[in-house]
C-alpha atoms as a PDB file:
ATOM      1  CA  MET A   1      -9.554 -13.276 -14.145  1.00  0.00           C
ATOM      2  CA  ALA A   2     -13.249 -12.468 -14.506  1.00  0.00           C
ATOM      3  CA  GLY A   3     -14.302 -10.442 -17.553  1.00  0.00           C
ATOM      4  CA  ARG A   4     -16.687  -7.494 -17.270  1.00  0.00           C
ATOM      5  CA  ARG A   5     -17.740  -4.355 -19.105  1.00  0.00           C
ATOM      6  CA  LYS A   6     -17.337  -0.897 -17.621  1.00  0.00           C
ATOM      7  CA  VAL A   7     -19.535   1.910 -18.920  1.00  0.00           C
ATOM      8  CA  SER A   8     -18.480   5.533 -18.702  1.00  0.00           C
ATOM      9  CA  ASP A   9     -21.115   8.196 -19.216  1.00  0.00           C
ATOM     10  CA  HIS A  10     -20.174  11.864 -18.817  1.00  0.00           C
ATOM     11  CA  SER A  11     -22.342  14.927 -18.401  1.00  0.00           C
ATOM     12  CA  ARG A  12     -20.937  16.300 -21.659  1.00  0.00           C
ATOM     13  CA  GLY A  13     -22.620  13.480 -23.606  1.00  0.00           C
ATOM     14  CA  VAL A  14     -19.603  11.169 -24.027  1.00  0.00           C
ATOM     15  CA  PHE A  15     -20.473   7.472 -23.724  1.00  0.00           C
ATOM     16  CA  ARG A  16     -17.732   4.814 -23.709  1.00  0.00           C
ATOM     17  CA  ILE A  17     -17.669   1.067 -23.079  1.00  0.00           C
ATOM     18  CA  TYR A  18     -14.513  -0.487 -21.646  1.00  0.00           C
ATOM     19  CA  GLU A  19     -13.579  -4.140 -21.359  1.00  0.00           C
ATOM     20  CA  SER A  20     -12.527  -5.007 -17.839  1.00  0.00           C
ATOM     21  CA  ALA A  21     -11.190  -7.870 -15.747  1.00  0.00           C
ATOM     22  CA  ILE A  22     -10.259  -8.288 -12.109  1.00  0.00           C
ATOM     23  CA  ASP A  23      -8.397 -10.795  -9.985  1.00  0.00           C
ATOM     24  CA  ASP A  24      -6.769 -10.854  -6.532  1.00  0.00           C
ATOM     25  CA  ILE A  25      -3.897  -8.601  -7.667  1.00  0.00           C
ATOM     26  CA  SER A  26      -5.003  -6.215 -10.412  1.00  0.00           C
ATOM     27  CA  TRP A  27      -7.868  -4.520 -12.231  1.00  0.00           C
ATOM     28  CA  PRO A  28      -7.172  -3.740 -15.895  1.00  0.00           C
ATOM     29  CA  TRP A  29      -9.649  -2.001 -18.183  1.00  0.00           C
ATOM     30  CA  TRP A  30      -9.233  -1.012 -21.821  1.00  0.00           C
ATOM     31  CA  ARG A  31     -11.015   0.155 -24.946  1.00  0.00           C
ATOM     32  CA  GLY A  32      -9.873   0.084 -28.527  1.00  0.00           C
ATOM     33  CA  ALA A  33     -11.245   2.961 -30.564  1.00  0.00           C
ATOM     34  CA  PRO A  34      -9.822   4.426 -33.766  1.00  0.00           C
ATOM     35  CA  GLY A  35      -7.759   7.462 -32.829  1.00  0.00           C
ATOM     36  CA  PHE A  36      -8.510   7.242 -29.094  1.00  0.00           C
ATOM     37  CA  SER A  37      -7.683   3.916 -27.409  1.00  0.00           C
ATOM     38  CA  GLN A  38      -7.289   3.808 -23.647  1.00  0.00           C
ATOM     39  CA  ARG A  39      -6.000   1.322 -21.084  1.00  0.00           C
ATOM     40  CA  PHE A  40      -5.430   1.164 -17.345  1.00  0.00           C
ATOM     41  CA  THR A  41      -3.983  -1.376 -14.951  1.00  0.00           C
ATOM     42  CA  GLY A  42      -4.545  -0.822 -11.274  1.00  0.00           C
ATOM     43  CA  THR A  43      -2.970  -2.758  -8.436  1.00  0.00           C
ATOM     44  CA  LEU A  44      -5.019  -3.691  -5.376  1.00  0.00           C
ATOM     45  CA  ALA A  45      -3.608  -2.608  -2.000  1.00  0.00           C
ATOM     46  CA  ASP A  46      -4.611  -1.831   1.590  1.00  0.00           C
ATOM     47  CA  GLY A  47      -6.601  -5.009   2.043  1.00  0.00           C
ATOM     48  CA  ASN A  48      -8.320  -4.449  -1.321  1.00  0.00           C
ATOM     49  CA  SER A  49      -9.563  -1.016  -0.208  1.00  0.00           C
ATOM     50  CA  THR A  50      -7.376   0.852  -2.730  1.00  0.00           C
ATOM     51  CA  ILE A  51      -6.718   0.410  -6.452  1.00  0.00           C
ATOM     52  CA  ALA A  52      -3.910   2.589  -7.829  1.00  0.00           C
ATOM     53  CA  GLY A  53      -2.559   2.682 -11.358  1.00  0.00           C
ATOM     54  CA  LEU A  54      -1.734   4.624 -14.473  1.00  0.00           C
ATOM     55  CA  SER A  55      -3.989   5.101 -17.462  1.00  0.00           C
ATOM     56  CA  GLN A  56      -2.602   5.425 -20.981  1.00  0.00           C
ATOM     57  CA  LEU A  57      -3.862   6.844 -24.268  1.00  0.00           C
ATOM     58  CA  SER A  58      -2.991   5.856 -27.843  1.00  0.00           C
ATOM     59  CA  ARG A  59      -3.983   7.598 -31.055  1.00  0.00           C
ATOM     60  CA  ASP A  60      -2.528   4.862 -33.303  1.00  0.00           C
ATOM     61  CA  ASN A  61      -2.659   1.658 -31.147  1.00  0.00           C
ATOM     62  CA  VAL A  62       1.156   1.475 -31.357  1.00  0.00           C
ATOM     63  CA  HIS A  63       2.510   4.347 -29.257  1.00  0.00           C
ATOM     64  CA  TRP A  64       1.077   4.781 -25.759  1.00  0.00           C
ATOM     65  CA  ASP A  65       1.325   7.999 -23.760  1.00  0.00           C
ATOM     66  CA  ASP A  66       0.840   8.169 -20.020  1.00  0.00           C
ATOM     67  CA  ASP A  67      -2.472   9.682 -19.040  1.00  0.00           C
ATOM     68  CA  PRO A  68      -3.456  10.559 -15.469  1.00  0.00           C
ATOM     69  CA  LYS A  69      -2.592   8.370 -12.534  1.00  0.00           C
ATOM     70  CA  ILE A  70      -5.811   7.103 -10.993  1.00  0.00           C
ATOM     71  CA  THR A  71      -6.521   5.991  -7.435  1.00  0.00           C
ATOM     72  CA  TYR A  72      -9.812   4.458  -6.400  1.00  0.00           C
ATOM     73  CA  ARG A  73     -10.523   4.196  -2.672  1.00  0.00           C
ATOM     74  CA  ARG A  74     -13.336   2.285  -1.064  1.00  0.00           C
ATOM     75  CA  LYS A  75     -15.396   4.559   1.112  1.00  0.00           C
ATOM     76  CA  ARG A  76     -15.092   3.587   4.732  1.00  0.00           C
ATOM     77  CA  TRP A  77     -18.434   3.561   6.453  1.00  0.00           C
ATOM     78  CA  GLN A  78     -18.606   4.757   9.985  1.00  0.00           C
ATOM     79  CA  SER A  79     -20.298   2.423  12.400  1.00  0.00           C
ATOM     80  CA  TRP A  80     -23.446   3.551  14.114  1.00  0.00           C
ATOM     81  CA  THR A  81     -22.873   5.018  17.535  1.00  0.00           C
ATOM     82  CA  PRO A  82     -25.459   3.923  20.076  1.00  0.00           C
ATOM     83  CA  VAL A  83     -27.542   6.783  21.374  1.00  0.00           C
ATOM     84  CA  THR A  84     -28.332   6.718  25.049  1.00  0.00           C
ATOM     85  CA  ARG A  85     -31.173   8.649  26.506  1.00  0.00           C
ATOM     86  CA  SER A  86     -31.600   9.658  30.073  1.00  0.00           C
ATOM     87  CA  ASP A  87     -34.993  10.830  31.276  1.00  0.00           C
ATOM     88  CA  ALA A  88     -34.219  12.423  34.605  1.00  0.00           C
END
């Protein structure tokens, strides 16, 4: 599992750094912060075009509450359609 960092920057001025890893099956990310720790484990599906999972929040690093379910989908690009031109 390869380790990475994920940075979250919101328009309201919140800046967070998450530890992250990914392999052929899952993508977990997490951050430990006093009073506001978060974690997520997503499972890859649909030929690795979808990652779906549940995030969790802990205020004491012992009890974890379910946070929103998250689904990431890879944007499917449309292929270029050839344009034909007829000068009659």
